[in-house]
Amino acid sequence: MKKQLENIENVVRAKTRRSIPVVLSKYEIKQFFLYITPNHIHMFHLMYGANLSLIECVRLGIKDIDFHYKQITIRDSKGSKNRVVPCTAKPH
């Protein structure tokens, strides 16, 4: 762009990340799901696949799932906000 920068002496640098996020391997995920009871397996799959918290999953209603657009509406999420997450999983 060859543009001269203006006063950059008082610029605040971004904070560095203090921790590295934990990511489980495929094997670890499979092992985890082996210990879930059959009554709760679909709930855990939904929580893991859509990145839902437990309370968000428990609060889901049939009106929150849109099969046509393949999305789930999470109501009153963190900060009392609504958000939409994709639901691309295929039924077994």
PDB file of N, CA and C in Angstrom:
ATOM      1  N   MET A   1       0.813  -1.168   0.000  1.00  0.00           N
ATOM      2  CA  MET A   1       0.000   0.000   0.000  1.00  0.00           C
ATOM      3  C   MET A   1       0.871   1.251   0.000  1.00  0.00           C
ATOM      4  N   LYS A   2       2.112   1.110   0.419  1.00  0.00           N
ATOM      5  CA  LYS A   2       3.080   2.206   0.367  1.00  0.00           C
ATOM      6  C   LYS A   2       2.532   3.498   0.953  1.00  0.00           C
ATOM      7  N   LYS A   3       1.869   3.373   2.097  1.00  0.00           N
ATOM      8  CA  LYS A   3       1.289   4.533   2.741  1.00  0.00           C
ATOM      9  C   LYS A   3       2.044   4.772   4.049  1.00  0.00           C
ATOM     10  N   GLN A   4       2.434   5.984   4.289  1.00  0.00           N
ATOM     11  CA  GLN A   4       3.177   6.339   5.491  1.00  0.00           C
ATOM     12  C   GLN A   4       2.257   6.260   6.706  1.00  0.00           C
ATOM     13  N   LEU A   5       2.700   5.563   7.760  1.00  0.00           N
ATOM     14  CA  LEU A   5       1.899   5.444   8.966  1.00  0.00           C
ATOM     15  C   LEU A   5       2.020   6.703   9.809  1.00  0.00           C
ATOM     16  N   GLU A   6       0.907   7.069  10.392  1.00  0.00           N
ATOM     17  CA  GLU A   6       0.902   8.225  11.265  1.00  0.00           C
ATOM     18  C   GLU A   6       1.239   7.793  12.682  1.00  0.00           C
ATOM     19  N   ASN A   7       1.273   8.655  13.598  1.00  0.00           N
ATOM     20  CA  ASN A   7       1.616   8.489  14.996  1.00  0.00           C
ATOM     21  C   ASN A   7       1.296   7.075  15.543  1.00  0.00           C
ATOM     22  N   ILE A   8       2.292   6.194  15.568  1.00  0.00           N
ATOM     23  CA  ILE A   8       2.081   4.837  16.067  1.00  0.00           C
ATOM     24  C   ILE A   8       2.796   4.601  17.398  1.00  0.00           C
ATOM     25  N   GLU A   9       3.238   5.632  18.036  1.00  0.00           N
ATOM     26  CA  GLU A   9       3.982   5.491  19.287  1.00  0.00           C
ATOM     27  C   GLU A   9       3.096   5.090  20.460  1.00  0.00           C
ATOM     28  N   ASN A  10       1.865   5.512  20.511  1.00  0.00           N
ATOM     29  CA  ASN A  10       0.984   5.235  21.647  1.00  0.00           C
ATOM     30  C   ASN A  10      -0.030   4.129  21.353  1.00  0.00           C
ATOM     31  N   VAL A  11       0.317   3.218  20.490  1.00  0.00           N
ATOM     32  CA  VAL A  11      -0.579   2.127  20.133  1.00  0.00           C
ATOM     33  C   VAL A  11      -0.492   1.043  21.210  1.00  0.00           C
ATOM     34  N   VAL A  12      -1.635   0.548  21.640  1.00  0.00           N
ATOM     35  CA  VAL A  12      -1.683  -0.521  22.641  1.00  0.00           C
ATOM     36  C   VAL A  12      -1.700  -1.861  21.920  1.00  0.00           C
ATOM     37  N   ARG A  13      -0.774  -2.732  22.309  1.00  0.00           N
ATOM     38  CA  ARG A  13      -0.697  -4.046  21.680  1.00  0.00           C
ATOM     39  C   ARG A  13      -1.785  -4.965  22.220  1.00  0.00           C
ATOM     40  N   ALA A  14      -2.205  -5.915  21.399  1.00  0.00           N
ATOM     41  CA  ALA A  14      -3.191  -6.897  21.828  1.00  0.00           C
ATOM     42  C   ALA A  14      -2.574  -7.813  22.880  1.00  0.00           C
ATOM     43  N   LYS A  15      -3.405  -8.268  23.807  1.00  0.00           N
ATOM     44  CA  LYS A  15      -2.922  -9.160  24.851  1.00  0.00           C
ATOM     45  C   LYS A  15      -2.643 -10.544  24.269  1.00  0.00           C
ATOM     46  N   THR A  16      -1.598 -11.190  24.750  1.00  0.00           N
ATOM     47  CA  THR A  16      -1.296 -12.542  24.299  1.00  0.00           C
ATOM     48  C   THR A  16      -2.168 -13.524  25.058  1.00  0.00           C
ATOM     49  N   ARG A  17      -2.504 -14.603  24.407  1.00  0.00           N
ATOM     50  CA  ARG A  17      -3.342 -15.617  25.016  1.00  0.00           C
ATOM     51  C   ARG A  17      -2.545 -16.366  26.088  1.00  0.00           C
ATOM     52  N   ARG A  18      -3.123 -16.515  27.255  1.00  0.00           N
ATOM     53  CA  ARG A  18      -2.413 -17.131  28.372  1.00  0.00           C
ATOM     54  C   ARG A  18      -2.464 -18.645  28.345  1.00  0.00           C
ATOM     55  N   SER A  19      -3.536 -19.227  27.825  1.00  0.00           N
ATOM     56  CA  SER A  19      -3.659 -20.679  27.838  1.00  0.00           C
ATOM     57  C   SER A  19      -3.986 -21.199  26.441  1.00  0.00           C
ATOM     58  N   ILE A  20      -3.608 -22.417  26.231  1.00  0.00           N
ATOM     59  CA  ILE A  20      -3.883 -23.088  24.962  1.00  0.00           C
ATOM     60  C   ILE A  20      -5.160 -23.901  25.153  1.00  0.00           C
ATOM     61  N   PRO A  21      -6.140 -23.780  24.244  1.00  0.00           N
ATOM     62  CA  PRO A  21      -7.375 -24.543  24.415  1.00  0.00           C
ATOM     63  C   PRO A  21      -7.119 -26.048  24.302  1.00  0.00           C
ATOM     64  N   VAL A  22      -7.882 -26.816  25.073  1.00  0.00           N
ATOM     65  CA  VAL A  22      -7.744 -28.268  25.065  1.00  0.00           C
ATOM     66  C   VAL A  22      -8.635 -28.826  23.958  1.00  0.00           C
ATOM     67  N   VAL A  23      -8.053 -29.617  23.096  1.00  0.00           N
ATOM     68  CA  VAL A  23      -8.794 -30.258  22.014  1.00  0.00           C
ATOM     69  C   VAL A  23      -8.601 -31.758  22.150  1.00  0.00           C
ATOM     70  N   LEU A  24      -9.712 -32.476  22.222  1.00  0.00           N
ATOM     71  CA  LEU A  24      -9.638 -33.919  22.368  1.00  0.00           C
ATOM     72  C   LEU A  24      -9.457 -34.581  21.006  1.00  0.00           C
ATOM     73  N   SER A  25      -8.770 -35.708  20.986  1.00  0.00           N
ATOM     74  CA  SER A  25      -8.583 -36.458  19.748  1.00  0.00           C
ATOM     75  C   SER A  25      -9.872 -37.227  19.421  1.00  0.00           C
ATOM     76  N   LYS A  26      -9.973 -37.746  18.202  1.00  0.00           N
ATOM     77  CA  LYS A  26     -11.147 -38.528  17.812  1.00  0.00           C
ATOM     78  C   LYS A  26     -11.301 -39.751  18.713  1.00  0.00           C
ATOM     79  N   TYR A  27     -10.185 -40.381  19.047  1.00  0.00           N
ATOM     80  CA  TYR A  27     -10.210 -41.552  19.917  1.00  0.00           C
ATOM     81  C   TYR A  27     -10.755 -41.186  21.302  1.00  0.00           C
ATOM     82  N   GLU A  28     -10.297 -40.066  21.851  1.00  0.00           N
ATOM     83  CA  GLU A  28     -10.755 -39.639  23.177  1.00  0.00           C
ATOM     84  C   GLU A  28     -12.255 -39.321  23.174  1.00  0.00           C
ATOM     85  N   ILE A  29     -12.732 -38.727  22.097  1.00  0.00           N
ATOM     86  CA  ILE A  29     -14.168 -38.430  21.983  1.00  0.00           C
ATOM     87  C   ILE A  29     -14.971 -39.723  21.941  1.00  0.00           C
ATOM     88  N   LYS A  30     -14.510 -40.695  21.142  1.00  0.00           N
ATOM     89  CA  LYS A  30     -15.209 -41.980  21.062  1.00  0.00           C
ATOM     90  C   LYS A  30     -15.233 -42.668  22.423  1.00  0.00           C
ATOM     91  N   GLN A  31     -14.125 -42.627  23.139  1.00  0.00           N
ATOM     92  CA  GLN A  31     -14.058 -43.228  24.468  1.00  0.00           C
ATOM     93  C   GLN A  31     -15.012 -42.539  25.437  1.00  0.00           C
ATOM     94  N   PHE A  32     -15.108 -41.233  25.345  1.00  0.00           N
ATOM     95  CA  PHE A  32     -16.010 -40.470  26.196  1.00  0.00           C
ATOM     96  C   PHE A  32     -17.451 -40.893  25.963  1.00  0.00           C
ATOM     97  N   PHE A  33     -17.853 -41.013  24.700  1.00  0.00           N
ATOM     98  CA  PHE A  33     -19.235 -41.352  24.386  1.00  0.00           C
ATOM     99  C   PHE A  33     -19.586 -42.795  24.750  1.00  0.00           C
ATOM    100  N   LEU A  34     -18.589 -43.655  24.949  1.00  0.00           N
ATOM    101  CA  LEU A  34     -18.870 -45.026  25.378  1.00  0.00           C
ATOM    102  C   LEU A  34     -19.435 -45.085  26.794  1.00  0.00           C
ATOM    103  N   TYR A  35     -19.140 -44.087  27.619  1.00  0.00           N
ATOM    104  CA  TYR A  35     -19.558 -44.083  29.012  1.00  0.00           C
ATOM    105  C   TYR A  35     -20.857 -43.329  29.262  1.00  0.00           C
ATOM    106  N   ILE A  36     -21.461 -42.795  28.227  1.00  0.00           N
ATOM    107  CA  ILE A  36     -22.723 -42.074  28.370  1.00  0.00           C
ATOM    108  C   ILE A  36     -23.873 -43.081  28.337  1.00  0.00           C
ATOM    109  N   THR A  37     -24.837 -42.907  29.227  1.00  0.00           N
ATOM    110  CA  THR A  37     -25.980 -43.819  29.256  1.00  0.00           C
ATOM    111  C   THR A  37     -26.841 -43.632  28.010  1.00  0.00           C
ATOM    112  N   PRO A  38     -27.520 -44.685  27.577  1.00  0.00           N
ATOM    113  CA  PRO A  38     -28.370 -44.579  26.379  1.00  0.00           C
ATOM    114  C   PRO A  38     -29.440 -43.503  26.485  1.00  0.00           C
ATOM    115  N   ASN A  39     -29.895 -43.198  27.701  1.00  0.00           N
ATOM    116  CA  ASN A  39     -30.919 -42.168  27.880  1.00  0.00           C
ATOM    117  C   ASN A  39     -30.404 -40.780  27.541  1.00  0.00           C
ATOM    118  N   HIS A  40     -29.099 -40.563  27.625  1.00  0.00           N
ATOM    119  CA  HIS A  40     -28.537 -39.223  27.469  1.00  0.00           C
ATOM    120  C   HIS A  40     -27.641 -39.067  26.239  1.00  0.00           C
ATOM    121  N   ILE A  41     -27.481 -40.104  25.454  1.00  0.00           N
ATOM    122  CA  ILE A  41     -26.512 -40.065  24.351  1.00  0.00           C
ATOM    123  C   ILE A  41     -26.855 -38.998  23.322  1.00  0.00           C
ATOM    124  N   HIS A  42     -28.127 -38.847  22.981  1.00  0.00           N
ATOM    125  CA  HIS A  42     -28.511 -37.852  21.966  1.00  0.00           C
ATOM    126  C   HIS A  42     -28.262 -36.432  22.472  1.00  0.00           C
ATOM    127  N   MET A  43     -28.504 -36.241  23.746  1.00  0.00           N
ATOM    128  CA  MET A  43     -28.267 -34.936  24.353  1.00  0.00           C
ATOM    129  C   MET A  43     -26.776 -34.581  24.293  1.00  0.00           C
ATOM    130  N   PHE A  44     -25.916 -35.538  24.616  1.00  0.00           N
ATOM    131  CA  PHE A  44     -24.476 -35.282  24.582  1.00  0.00           C
ATOM    132  C   PHE A  44     -23.966 -35.085  23.158  1.00  0.00           C
ATOM    133  N   HIS A  45     -24.512 -35.840  22.214  1.00  0.00           N
ATOM    134  CA  HIS A  45     -24.130 -35.639  20.810  1.00  0.00           C
ATOM    135  C   HIS A  45     -24.505 -34.232  20.351  1.00  0.00           C
ATOM    136  N   LEU A  46     -25.685 -33.799  20.726  1.00  0.00           N
ATOM    137  CA  LEU A  46     -26.138 -32.457  20.353  1.00  0.00           C
ATOM    138  C   LEU A  46     -25.269 -31.388  21.007  1.00  0.00           C
ATOM    139  N   MET A  47     -24.962 -31.563  22.282  1.00  0.00           N
ATOM    140  CA  MET A  47     -24.116 -30.594  22.990  1.00  0.00           C
ATOM    141  C   MET A  47     -22.735 -30.516  22.358  1.00  0.00           C
ATOM    142  N   TYR A  48     -22.166 -31.662  22.035  1.00  0.00           N
ATOM    143  CA  TYR A  48     -20.824 -31.685  21.453  1.00  0.00           C
ATOM    144  C   TYR A  48     -20.832 -31.127  20.025  1.00  0.00           C
ATOM    145  N   GLY A  49     -21.782 -31.560  19.215  1.00  0.00           N
ATOM    146  CA  GLY A  49     -21.813 -31.166  17.810  1.00  0.00           C
ATOM    147  C   GLY A  49     -22.189 -29.719  17.574  1.00  0.00           C
ATOM    148  N   ALA A  50     -23.065 -29.179  18.415  1.00  0.00           N
ATOM    149  CA  ALA A  50     -23.528 -27.800  18.232  1.00  0.00           C
ATOM    150  C   ALA A  50     -22.876 -26.834  19.212  1.00  0.00           C
ATOM    151  N   ASN A  51     -21.959 -27.336  20.021  1.00  0.00           N
ATOM    152  CA  ASN A  51     -21.242 -26.511  20.998  1.00  0.00           C
ATOM    153  C   ASN A  51     -22.207 -25.827  21.960  1.00  0.00           C
ATOM    154  N   LEU A  52     -23.092 -26.631  22.545  1.00  0.00           N
ATOM    155  CA  LEU A  52     -24.074 -26.115  23.487  1.00  0.00           C
ATOM    156  C   LEU A  52     -23.630 -26.401  24.916  1.00  0.00           C
ATOM    157  N   SER A  53     -24.013 -25.526  25.822  1.00  0.00           N
ATOM    158  CA  SER A  53     -23.807 -25.814  27.236  1.00  0.00           C
ATOM    159  C   SER A  53     -24.965 -26.702  27.699  1.00  0.00           C
ATOM    160  N   LEU A  54     -24.829 -27.260  28.882  1.00  0.00           N
ATOM    161  CA  LEU A  54     -25.869 -28.139  29.408  1.00  0.00           C
ATOM    162  C   LEU A  54     -27.199 -27.401  29.538  1.00  0.00           C
ATOM    163  N   ILE A  55     -27.185 -26.202  30.093  1.00  0.00           N
ATOM    164  CA  ILE A  55     -28.427 -25.454  30.292  1.00  0.00           C
ATOM    165  C   ILE A  55     -29.064 -25.065  28.955  1.00  0.00           C
ATOM    166  N   GLU A  56     -28.244 -24.761  27.939  1.00  0.00           N
ATOM    167  CA  GLU A  56     -28.785 -24.442  26.609  1.00  0.00           C
ATOM    168  C   GLU A  56     -29.469 -25.662  26.014  1.00  0.00           C
ATOM    169  N   CYS A  57     -28.901 -26.825  26.214  1.00  0.00           N
ATOM    170  CA  CYS A  57     -29.485 -28.058  25.682  1.00  0.00           C
ATOM    171  C   CYS A  57     -30.791 -28.398  26.398  1.00  0.00           C
ATOM    172  N   VAL A  58     -30.807 -28.232  27.709  1.00  0.00           N
ATOM    173  CA  VAL A  58     -31.996 -28.546  28.496  1.00  0.00           C
ATOM    174  C   VAL A  58     -33.148 -27.615  28.139  1.00  0.00           C
ATOM    175  N   ARG A  59     -32.850 -26.354  27.836  1.00  0.00           N
ATOM    176  CA  ARG A  59     -33.888 -25.368  27.514  1.00  0.00           C
ATOM    177  C   ARG A  59     -34.432 -25.478  26.096  1.00  0.00           C
ATOM    178  N   LEU A  60     -33.839 -26.308  25.254  1.00  0.00           N
ATOM    179  CA  LEU A  60     -34.301 -26.417  23.869  1.00  0.00           C
ATOM    180  C   LEU A  60     -35.738 -26.915  23.805  1.00  0.00           C
ATOM    181  N   GLY A  61     -36.476 -26.329  22.901  1.00  0.00           N
ATOM    182  CA  GLY A  61     -37.839 -26.769  22.643  1.00  0.00           C
ATOM    183  C   GLY A  61     -37.975 -27.126  21.171  1.00  0.00           C
ATOM    184  N   ILE A  62     -39.068 -27.747  20.813  1.00  0.00           N
ATOM    185  CA  ILE A  62     -39.278 -28.153  19.424  1.00  0.00           C
ATOM    186  C   ILE A  62     -39.321 -26.935  18.508  1.00  0.00           C
ATOM    187  N   LYS A  63     -39.792 -25.791  19.015  1.00  0.00           N
ATOM    188  CA  LYS A  63     -39.856 -24.571  18.198  1.00  0.00           C
ATOM    189  C   LYS A  63     -38.468 -24.017  17.878  1.00  0.00           C
ATOM    190  N   ASP A  64     -37.450 -24.453  18.635  1.00  0.00           N
ATOM    191  CA  ASP A  64     -36.092 -23.948  18.436  1.00  0.00           C
ATOM    192  C   ASP A  64     -35.333 -24.682  17.339  1.00  0.00           C
ATOM    193  N   ILE A  65     -35.870 -25.794  16.870  1.00  0.00           N
ATOM    194  CA  ILE A  65     -35.193 -26.579  15.840  1.00  0.00           C
ATOM    195  C   ILE A  65     -35.903 -26.363  14.516  1.00  0.00           C
ATOM    196  N   ASP A  66     -35.166 -25.863  13.539  1.00  0.00           N
ATOM    197  CA  ASP A  66     -35.715 -25.603  12.208  1.00  0.00           C
ATOM    198  C   ASP A  66     -35.113 -26.623  11.245  1.00  0.00           C
ATOM    199  N   PHE A  67     -35.889 -27.652  10.921  1.00  0.00           N
ATOM    200  CA  PHE A  67     -35.395 -28.727  10.068  1.00  0.00           C
ATOM    201  C   PHE A  67     -35.232 -28.277   8.622  1.00  0.00           C
ATOM    202  N   HIS A  68     -36.046 -27.319   8.201  1.00  0.00           N
ATOM    203  CA  HIS A  68     -35.962 -26.839   6.816  1.00  0.00           C
ATOM    204  C   HIS A  68     -34.628 -26.130   6.561  1.00  0.00           C
ATOM    205  N   TYR A  69     -34.239 -25.232   7.458  1.00  0.00           N
ATOM    206  CA  TYR A  69     -32.984 -24.500   7.312  1.00  0.00           C
ATOM    207  C   TYR A  69     -31.809 -25.198   8.005  1.00  0.00           C
ATOM    208  N   LYS A  70     -32.090 -26.329   8.663  1.00  0.00           N
ATOM    209  CA  LYS A  70     -31.066 -27.110   9.366  1.00  0.00           C
ATOM    210  C   LYS A  70     -30.291 -26.249  10.360  1.00  0.00           C
ATOM    211  N   GLN A  71     -31.033 -25.621  11.263  1.00  0.00           N
ATOM    212  CA  GLN A  71     -30.406 -24.777  12.267  1.00  0.00           C
ATOM    213  C   GLN A  71     -31.166 -24.856  13.583  1.00  0.00           C
ATOM    214  N   ILE A  72     -30.457 -24.545  14.655  1.00  0.00           N
ATOM    215  CA  ILE A  72     -31.033 -24.543  15.992  1.00  0.00           C
ATOM    216  C   ILE A  72     -30.900 -23.135  16.555  1.00  0.00           C
ATOM    217  N   THR A  73     -31.983 -22.603  17.101  1.00  0.00           N
ATOM    218  CA  THR A  73     -31.948 -21.287  17.725  1.00  0.00           C
ATOM    219  C   THR A  73     -31.775 -21.475  19.223  1.00  0.00           C
ATOM    220  N   ILE A  74     -30.703 -20.907  19.760  1.00  0.00           N
ATOM    221  CA  ILE A  74     -30.443 -20.948  21.193  1.00  0.00           C
ATOM    222  C   ILE A  74     -30.944 -19.627  21.763  1.00  0.00           C
ATOM    223  N   ARG A  75     -31.921 -19.694  22.655  1.00  0.00           N
ATOM    224  CA  ARG A  75     -32.521 -18.486  23.226  1.00  0.00           C
ATOM    225  C   ARG A  75     -31.950 -18.209  24.613  1.00  0.00           C
ATOM    226  N   ASP A  76     -31.782 -16.937  24.911  1.00  0.00           N
ATOM    227  CA  ASP A  76     -31.261 -16.497  26.215  1.00  0.00           C
ATOM    228  C   ASP A  76     -29.931 -17.168  26.548  1.00  0.00           C
ATOM    229  N   SER A  77     -29.028 -17.111  25.593  1.00  0.00           N
ATOM    230  CA  SER A  77     -27.693 -17.655  25.794  1.00  0.00           C
ATOM    231  C   SER A  77     -26.890 -16.694  26.654  1.00  0.00           C
ATOM    232  N   LYS A  78     -25.601 -16.828  26.651  1.00  0.00           N
ATOM    233  CA  LYS A  78     -24.724 -15.970  27.447  1.00  0.00           C
ATOM    234  C   LYS A  78     -25.011 -14.500  27.143  1.00  0.00           C
ATOM    235  N   GLY A  79     -25.180 -13.712  28.171  1.00  0.00           N
ATOM    236  CA  GLY A  79     -25.470 -12.298  27.980  1.00  0.00           C
ATOM    237  C   GLY A  79     -26.895 -12.051  27.551  1.00  0.00           C
ATOM    238  N   SER A  80     -27.783 -13.001  27.796  1.00  0.00           N
ATOM    239  CA  SER A  80     -29.206 -12.899  27.420  1.00  0.00           C
ATOM    240  C   SER A  80     -29.387 -12.640  25.932  1.00  0.00           C
ATOM    241  N   LYS A  81     -28.547 -13.258  25.118  1.00  0.00           N
ATOM    242  CA  LYS A  81     -28.636 -13.090  23.667  1.00  0.00           C
ATOM    243  C   LYS A  81     -29.117 -14.392  23.029  1.00  0.00           C
ATOM    244  N   ASN A  82     -29.695 -14.252  21.855  1.00  0.00           N
ATOM    245  CA  ASN A  82     -30.064 -15.419  21.061  1.00  0.00           C
ATOM    246  C   ASN A  82     -28.981 -15.661  20.027  1.00  0.00           C
ATOM    247  N   ARG A  83     -28.782 -16.945  19.676  1.00  0.00           N
ATOM    248  CA  ARG A  83     -27.833 -17.259  18.614  1.00  0.00           C
ATOM    249  C   ARG A  83     -28.348 -18.449  17.835  1.00  0.00           C
ATOM    250  N   VAL A  84     -27.861 -18.586  16.626  1.00  0.00           N
ATOM    251  CA  VAL A  84     -28.283 -19.672  15.752  1.00  0.00           C
ATOM    252  C   VAL A  84     -27.064 -20.525  15.430  1.00  0.00           C
ATOM    253  N   VAL A  85     -27.207 -21.844  15.581  1.00  0.00           N
ATOM    254  CA  VAL A  85     -26.116 -22.751  15.263  1.00  0.00           C
ATOM    255  C   VAL A  85     -26.577 -23.718  14.172  1.00  0.00           C
ATOM    256  N   PRO A  86     -25.676 -24.101  13.277  1.00  0.00           N
ATOM    257  CA  PRO A  86     -26.050 -25.047  12.210  1.00  0.00           C
ATOM    258  C   PRO A  86     -26.249 -26.433  12.772  1.00  0.00           C
ATOM    259  N   CYS A  87     -27.142 -27.155  12.182  1.00  0.00           N
ATOM    260  CA  CYS A  87     -27.421 -28.543  12.577  1.00  0.00           C
ATOM    261  C   CYS A  87     -27.275 -29.389  11.321  1.00  0.00           C
ATOM    262  N   THR A  88     -26.075 -29.887  11.083  1.00  0.00           N
ATOM    263  CA  THR A  88     -25.811 -30.613   9.845  1.00  0.00           C
ATOM    264  C   THR A  88     -25.686 -32.106  10.054  1.00  0.00           C
ATOM    265  N   ALA A  89     -25.879 -32.569  11.287  1.00  0.00           N
ATOM    266  CA  ALA A  89     -25.732 -33.993  11.570  1.00  0.00           C
ATOM    267  C   ALA A  89     -26.836 -34.783  10.883  1.00  0.00           C
ATOM    268  N   LYS A  90     -26.476 -35.962  10.439  1.00  0.00           N
ATOM    269  CA  LYS A  90     -27.449 -36.863   9.795  1.00  0.00           C
ATOM    270  C   LYS A  90     -27.935 -37.857  10.834  1.00  0.00           C
ATOM    271  N   PRO A  91     -29.229 -38.160  10.850  1.00  0.00           N
ATOM    272  CA  PRO A  91     -29.742 -39.130  11.814  1.00  0.00           C
ATOM    273  C   PRO A  91     -29.168 -40.521  11.545  1.00  0.00           C
ATOM    274  N   HIS A  92     -29.016 -41.315  12.607  1.00  0.00           N
ATOM    275  CA  HIS A  92     -28.466 -42.679  12.471  1.00  0.00           C
ATOM    276  C   HIS A  92     -29.491 -43.613  11.953  1.00  0.00           C
TER     277      HIS A  92
END
